[in-house]
Amino acid sequence: MIFLEEKIFDEPFKLKPLLSKTGWKIFRLLTEKAYYPAEIAKKLNLHEQKVYYYIKQMKKNDLIEVEKTEEKFGALAKYFKAKFNVVSLSAGKKTQKDFEFSGTEKKTKKIQELFFPFIEKGKFNAKVIVGSPDPHGEFKARARDAFLAAELSAFFGVLSGKISYPMVFLDTELKSIKNENSNLVIIGGILTNTLTKEINSKLNAQFIPFGGHWIIKSNASKKEFNEDAVGFIEVLRHPFFARKKIMVIAGNRNAGTKAAIIALIRHSDKVLKANSFNEKIQSKIVEGIDFDGDGIIDDAEIKE
């Protein structure tokens, strides 16, 4: 084994690629010597695309590096190796600045601008609406999106720096969008959130009935999406209060809503851009990806 220096990380998310069995196997292999991705896939009996995903994440988080490049089968192959064979996490005392949104102040400001008016002058300026866990609405459904609201609220809190309490409301606490002179972030599909149902007809990514259940249809592309892990993020003007906006984050099922939350947090700069089929609307459809096959969505890709 090649003996490498120890690396102490003080940002836990940088070790995330090593937390799955697949990621750990790849990293351990790369502590032995340098390999190119196709070689790793063959040795560990993994799909090559999955290997590329973990290699990308490890390189991004400074866990591995390119040792050399060689020609293989008419193409250049990069050989990767681990930069360390001992990694640890520092749990030392952190200042408030340490927990600010990752990146430079300039980058943070840019991300804040993307979320305007939901974040305005460094303060979160909206109500997050999640479906009630009790049977409610026309469909008498129970929502299971509360934990997703918690993740999103934490993201907004760190990004904006200032929030007002209360921040999260149940859809049953609000009578109608017509009465809400506020920016709104609505989480959950048409079955579980009554406000999603109320705004559905005004969305590009609309829920439509299909074979006894509901699926997402894009009015921009005319495509229909019936996969469970498909969701969308859409921002539109408040139909009753001109200076306010509404963000809807929803999916065909809970998995789709989760995929949309992940996409918004990890790929804000992409999902908040205009739709690829119609630049006049701010609507992105995404699909969750389970890279390591453990049944948990790891990331999301933009479908349109």
Protein backbone atom coordinates (compact mmCIF):
# COMPACT_ATOMS: atom_id res chain seq x y z
CA MET A 1 0.00 0.00 0.00
CA ILE A 2 1.14 3.52 -0.72
CA PHE A 3 1.50 5.46 2.53
CA LEU A 4 -0.09 8.85 2.24
CA GLU A 5 -0.46 11.73 4.61
CA GLU A 6 -3.47 12.07 6.88
CA LYS A 7 -6.09 14.62 5.95
CA ILE A 8 -8.35 16.21 8.58
CA PHE A 9 -11.59 17.66 7.26
CA ASP A 10 -13.65 20.24 9.13
CA GLU A 11 -16.54 20.16 6.65
CA PRO A 12 -18.52 16.90 6.99
CA PHE A 13 -20.13 17.06 3.53
CA LYS A 14 -16.72 16.56 1.90
CA LEU A 15 -16.62 13.02 3.26
CA LYS A 16 -20.06 12.15 1.92
CA PRO A 17 -18.71 10.21 -1.13
CA LEU A 18 -17.11 7.76 1.33
CA LEU A 19 -20.24 7.08 3.38
CA SER A 20 -21.75 4.52 1.01
CA LYS A 21 -20.32 1.00 0.62
CA THR A 22 -19.64 1.63 -3.07
CA GLY A 23 -17.81 4.91 -2.49
CA TRP A 24 -15.72 3.39 0.29
CA LYS A 25 -14.74 0.40 -1.86
CA ILE A 26 -13.59 2.67 -4.67
CA PHE A 27 -11.61 4.90 -2.31
CA ARG A 28 -9.92 1.92 -0.62
CA LEU A 29 -8.94 0.55 -4.02
CA LEU A 30 -7.41 3.88 -4.96
CA THR A 31 -5.25 3.90 -1.81
CA GLU A 32 -3.45 0.85 -3.22
CA LYS A 33 -2.50 2.31 -6.59
CA ALA A 34 -3.86 4.41 -9.45
CA TYR A 35 -6.65 3.02 -11.63
CA TYR A 36 -8.72 4.37 -14.49
CA PRO A 37 -12.55 4.22 -14.10
CA ALA A 38 -13.21 1.29 -16.48
CA GLU A 39 -10.59 -0.72 -14.61
CA ILE A 40 -12.22 0.11 -11.27
CA ALA A 41 -15.62 -0.96 -12.61
CA LYS A 42 -14.22 -4.31 -13.75
CA LYS A 43 -12.36 -4.99 -10.50
CA LEU A 44 -15.32 -4.15 -8.26
CA ASN A 45 -18.01 -5.47 -10.60
CA LEU A 46 -19.75 -2.09 -10.82
CA HIS A 47 -21.50 -0.20 -13.58
CA GLU A 48 -18.98 2.17 -15.18
CA GLN A 49 -21.35 5.14 -14.95
CA LYS A 50 -21.64 4.64 -11.19
CA VAL A 51 -17.84 4.63 -10.89
CA TYR A 52 -17.63 7.89 -12.85
CA TYR A 53 -20.15 9.46 -10.48
CA TYR A 54 -18.11 8.62 -7.37
CA ILE A 55 -14.84 9.58 -9.02
CA LYS A 56 -16.32 12.98 -9.86
CA GLN A 57 -17.56 13.49 -6.28
CA MET A 58 -14.27 12.40 -4.70
CA LYS A 59 -12.23 14.64 -6.97
CA LYS A 60 -14.56 17.56 -6.29
CA ASN A 61 -14.03 17.11 -2.55
CA ASP A 62 -10.26 16.79 -2.84
CA LEU A 63 -10.11 13.10 -1.86
CA ILE A 64 -8.43 11.81 -5.02
CA GLU A 65 -6.28 13.19 -7.84
CA VAL A 66 -5.15 12.30 -11.36
CA GLU A 67 -1.79 10.57 -11.23
CA LYS A 68 -1.26 10.07 -14.96
CA THR A 69 -3.01 9.94 -18.32
CA GLU A 70 -2.53 7.11 -20.84
CA GLU A 71 -4.02 6.18 -24.18
CA LYS A 72 -6.47 3.28 -23.91
CA PHE A 73 -8.37 1.90 -26.89
CA GLY A 74 -7.85 5.07 -28.88
CA ALA A 75 -8.87 7.43 -26.07
CA LEU A 76 -7.09 9.09 -23.17
CA ALA A 77 -7.72 7.40 -19.82
CA LYS A 78 -7.15 9.23 -16.53
CA TYR A 79 -5.65 7.20 -13.71
CA PHE A 80 -6.88 8.30 -10.29
CA LYS A 81 -5.38 7.65 -6.89
CA ALA A 82 -6.30 8.55 -3.32
CA LYS A 83 -4.57 11.62 -1.95
CA PHE A 84 -4.70 10.21 1.59
CA ASN A 85 -5.12 6.81 3.19
CA VAL A 86 -6.17 8.28 6.54
CA VAL A 87 -9.05 10.73 6.68
CA SER A 88 -10.69 12.16 9.78
CA LEU A 89 -13.23 14.77 10.74
CA SER A 90 -12.51 17.63 13.09
CA ALA A 91 -15.29 18.43 15.55
CA GLY A 92 -13.63 21.54 16.89
CA LYS A 93 -15.54 24.63 17.90
CA LYS A 94 -16.98 26.54 14.95
CA THR A 95 -17.78 30.19 14.66
CA GLN A 96 -20.94 31.45 13.00
CA LYS A 97 -18.94 32.25 9.89
CA ASP A 98 -17.87 28.60 9.56
CA PHE A 99 -21.48 27.58 9.04
CA GLU A 100 -22.38 30.14 6.42
CA PHE A 101 -23.34 28.97 2.93
CA SER A 102 -20.31 27.31 1.33
CA GLY A 103 -18.25 29.41 -1.03
CA THR A 104 -17.11 33.01 -1.09
CA GLU A 105 -19.21 35.96 -0.07
CA LYS A 106 -19.56 36.79 -3.77
CA LYS A 107 -20.90 33.29 -4.52
CA THR A 108 -23.32 33.45 -1.60
CA LYS A 109 -24.67 36.78 -2.83
CA LYS A 110 -25.13 35.34 -6.32
CA ILE A 111 -27.15 32.39 -4.97
CA GLN A 112 -29.24 34.76 -2.84
CA GLU A 113 -30.06 36.77 -5.96
CA LEU A 114 -31.31 33.60 -7.65
CA PHE A 115 -33.82 33.14 -4.82
CA PHE A 116 -35.19 36.70 -4.92
CA PRO A 117 -37.80 37.60 -3.65
CA PHE A 118 -37.92 34.52 -1.40
CA ILE A 119 -34.63 35.79 0.04
CA GLU A 120 -34.39 39.55 0.14
CA LYS A 121 -31.59 41.63 1.66
CA GLY A 122 -30.20 38.59 3.45
CA LYS A 123 -33.53 37.61 5.03
CA PHE A 124 -35.87 34.77 4.18
CA ASN A 125 -39.06 36.44 3.03
CA ALA A 126 -41.66 33.72 2.43
CA LYS A 127 -43.92 31.13 3.99
CA VAL A 128 -43.09 27.44 3.50
CA ILE A 129 -46.31 25.45 3.09
CA VAL A 130 -46.32 21.69 3.63
CA GLY A 131 -49.25 19.28 3.49
CA SER A 132 -50.93 18.25 6.73
CA PRO A 133 -50.06 14.76 8.04
CA ASP A 134 -53.77 14.23 8.82
CA PRO A 135 -56.36 13.19 6.21
CA HIS A 136 -57.45 16.39 4.53
CA GLY A 137 -58.58 18.02 1.31
CA GLU A 138 -60.61 16.53 -1.51
CA PHE A 139 -58.48 13.37 -1.58
CA LYS A 140 -58.35 12.86 2.21
CA ALA A 141 -54.60 12.28 1.86
CA ARG A 142 -51.89 12.28 4.52
CA ALA A 143 -48.71 14.18 3.62
CA ARG A 144 -45.26 12.76 4.38
CA ASP A 145 -43.27 15.82 3.36
CA ALA A 146 -42.56 17.38 6.76
CA PHE A 147 -38.94 16.17 6.86
CA LEU A 148 -38.39 17.64 3.40
CA ALA A 149 -39.67 21.00 4.65
CA ALA A 150 -37.14 20.75 7.48
CA GLU A 151 -34.26 20.16 5.06
CA LEU A 152 -35.35 23.00 2.81
CA SER A 153 -35.87 25.37 5.74
CA ALA A 154 -32.38 24.60 7.03
CA PHE A 155 -31.00 25.39 3.58
CA PHE A 156 -32.90 28.67 3.38
CA GLY A 157 -31.85 29.55 6.92
CA VAL A 158 -28.16 29.04 6.27
CA LEU A 159 -28.32 30.75 2.90
CA SER A 160 -30.24 33.82 4.02
CA GLY A 161 -28.85 34.23 7.53
CA LYS A 162 -32.12 35.65 8.87
CA ILE A 163 -35.52 34.02 9.25
CA SER A 164 -38.76 34.89 11.00
CA TYR A 165 -40.75 32.49 13.15
CA PRO A 166 -43.02 30.78 12.24
CA MET A 167 -41.53 29.80 8.91
CA VAL A 168 -43.36 26.55 8.06
CA PHE A 169 -47.16 26.23 7.90
CA LEU A 170 -49.57 23.38 7.19
CA ASP A 171 -51.76 23.76 4.13
CA THR A 172 -54.78 23.40 6.42
CA GLU A 173 -53.72 26.57 8.25
CA LEU A 174 -54.13 28.66 5.10
CA LYS A 175 -57.62 29.04 3.68
CA SER A 176 -56.63 29.97 0.15
CA ILE A 177 -53.82 31.47 -1.94
CA LYS A 178 -56.23 34.34 -2.57
CA ASN A 179 -55.82 35.42 1.06
CA GLU A 180 -52.02 35.15 1.19
CA ASN A 181 -50.24 38.41 0.36
CA SER A 182 -46.90 36.64 0.81
CA ASN A 183 -44.21 34.89 -1.16
CA LEU A 184 -45.00 31.19 -0.87
CA VAL A 185 -42.90 28.02 -1.12
CA ILE A 186 -45.35 25.16 -1.59
CA ILE A 187 -44.06 21.63 -0.99
CA GLY A 188 -45.87 18.48 -2.14
CA GLY A 189 -48.05 17.20 -4.94
CA ILE A 190 -51.70 17.68 -5.79
CA LEU A 191 -52.85 14.87 -3.49
CA THR A 192 -51.07 15.98 -0.34
CA ASN A 193 -51.01 19.79 -0.54
CA THR A 194 -54.28 21.64 -1.14
CA LEU A 195 -52.41 24.77 -2.28
CA THR A 196 -50.70 22.79 -5.04
CA LYS A 197 -54.14 21.72 -6.21
CA GLU A 198 -55.32 25.34 -6.10
CA ILE A 199 -52.41 26.62 -8.22
CA ASN A 200 -52.16 23.56 -10.51
CA SER A 201 -53.99 25.08 -13.49
CA LYS A 202 -51.52 27.97 -13.62
CA LEU A 203 -48.39 25.78 -13.69
CA ASN A 204 -46.33 24.71 -16.67
CA ALA A 205 -45.65 21.39 -14.92
CA GLN A 206 -49.23 20.40 -14.28
CA PHE A 207 -50.62 17.35 -12.54
CA ILE A 208 -53.03 15.52 -14.85
CA PRO A 209 -55.10 12.35 -14.23
CA PHE A 210 -53.72 9.24 -15.90
CA GLY A 211 -54.85 5.65 -15.44
CA GLY A 212 -56.34 6.17 -12.02
CA HIS A 213 -53.50 8.29 -10.64
CA TRP A 214 -51.80 11.61 -11.29
CA ILE A 215 -48.72 12.32 -13.43
CA ILE A 216 -46.79 15.43 -14.41
CA LYS A 217 -47.22 16.99 -17.84
CA SER A 218 -45.04 19.80 -19.17
CA ASN A 219 -47.01 22.31 -21.21
CA ALA A 220 -43.74 23.62 -22.63
CA SER A 221 -42.50 20.33 -24.10
CA LYS A 222 -45.85 18.46 -24.16
CA LYS A 223 -44.07 15.54 -22.48
CA GLU A 224 -45.66 13.42 -19.78
CA PHE A 225 -43.73 12.00 -16.82
CA ASN A 226 -45.19 9.14 -14.80
CA GLU A 227 -42.09 7.90 -12.93
CA ASP A 228 -42.39 8.02 -9.13
CA ALA A 229 -39.09 9.86 -8.69
CA VAL A 230 -39.94 12.70 -11.10
CA GLY A 231 -40.62 16.12 -9.63
CA PHE A 232 -40.42 19.77 -10.55
CA ILE A 233 -39.44 23.20 -9.28
CA GLU A 234 -41.43 26.07 -10.70
CA VAL A 235 -41.50 29.77 -9.85
CA LEU A 236 -44.40 31.92 -10.98
CA ARG A 237 -45.95 35.24 -10.13
CA HIS A 238 -48.57 35.22 -7.41
CA PRO A 239 -51.90 35.30 -9.30
CA PHE A 240 -53.51 37.66 -6.77
CA PHE A 241 -50.64 39.85 -5.50
CA ALA A 242 -48.44 41.25 -8.27
CA ARG A 243 -45.34 41.86 -6.16
CA LYS A 244 -45.21 38.34 -4.73
CA LYS A 245 -44.08 35.03 -6.17
CA ILE A 246 -44.84 31.38 -5.59
CA MET A 247 -42.38 28.49 -5.77
CA VAL A 248 -43.89 25.03 -6.13
CA ILE A 249 -41.71 22.01 -5.31
CA ALA A 250 -43.58 18.79 -5.97
CA GLY A 251 -43.38 15.30 -7.40
CA ASN A 252 -45.52 12.45 -8.66
CA ARG A 253 -44.93 10.82 -5.29
CA ASN A 254 -42.89 11.58 -2.17
CA ALA A 255 -39.75 10.37 -4.00
CA GLY A 256 -40.33 12.95 -6.74
CA THR A 257 -40.77 15.76 -4.23
CA LYS A 258 -37.56 14.67 -2.52
CA ALA A 259 -35.74 14.68 -5.87
CA ALA A 260 -36.97 18.23 -6.49
CA ILE A 261 -35.73 19.37 -3.06
CA ILE A 262 -32.33 17.80 -3.70
CA ALA A 263 -32.12 19.43 -7.13
CA LEU A 264 -33.01 22.85 -5.72
CA ILE A 265 -30.41 22.63 -2.95
CA ARG A 266 -27.56 21.10 -4.95
CA HIS A 267 -28.16 22.67 -8.35
CA SER A 268 -29.82 26.00 -7.57
CA ASP A 269 -28.02 27.84 -10.38
CA LYS A 270 -29.45 25.41 -12.96
CA VAL A 271 -32.95 24.68 -11.71
CA LEU A 272 -33.82 28.35 -11.22
CA LYS A 273 -33.07 29.18 -14.84
CA ALA A 274 -35.69 29.39 -17.58
CA ASN A 275 -37.25 26.26 -19.03
CA SER A 276 -35.29 24.86 -21.98
CA PHE A 277 -38.44 24.71 -24.14
CA ASN A 278 -39.83 28.09 -23.17
CA GLU A 279 -37.52 30.78 -21.85
CA LYS A 280 -40.44 32.82 -20.58
CA ILE A 281 -41.21 30.38 -17.78
CA GLN A 282 -39.13 29.37 -14.77
CA SER A 283 -39.86 25.67 -14.57
CA LYS A 284 -37.58 22.63 -14.33
CA ILE A 285 -38.55 18.96 -14.27
CA VAL A 286 -36.09 16.64 -12.54
CA GLU A 287 -35.70 12.96 -11.75
CA GLY A 288 -34.10 11.44 -8.67
CA ILE A 289 -31.13 9.09 -9.05
CA ASP A 290 -30.15 6.24 -6.73
CA PHE A 291 -26.49 5.74 -7.66
CA ASP A 292 -25.52 3.09 -5.13
CA GLY A 293 -28.69 1.01 -5.30
CA ASP A 294 -29.60 1.36 -1.62
CA GLY A 295 -33.11 2.59 -2.33
CA ILE A 296 -32.30 6.17 -1.31
CA ILE A 297 -32.16 9.03 -3.82
CA ASP A 298 -28.63 10.45 -3.89
CA ASP A 299 -28.98 13.19 -6.49
CA ALA A 300 -31.25 14.49 -9.24
CA GLU A 301 -30.84 15.23 -12.92
CA ILE A 302 -32.68 17.83 -14.96
CA LYS A 303 -35.04 16.34 -17.54
CA GLU A 304 -36.01 19.70 -19.04
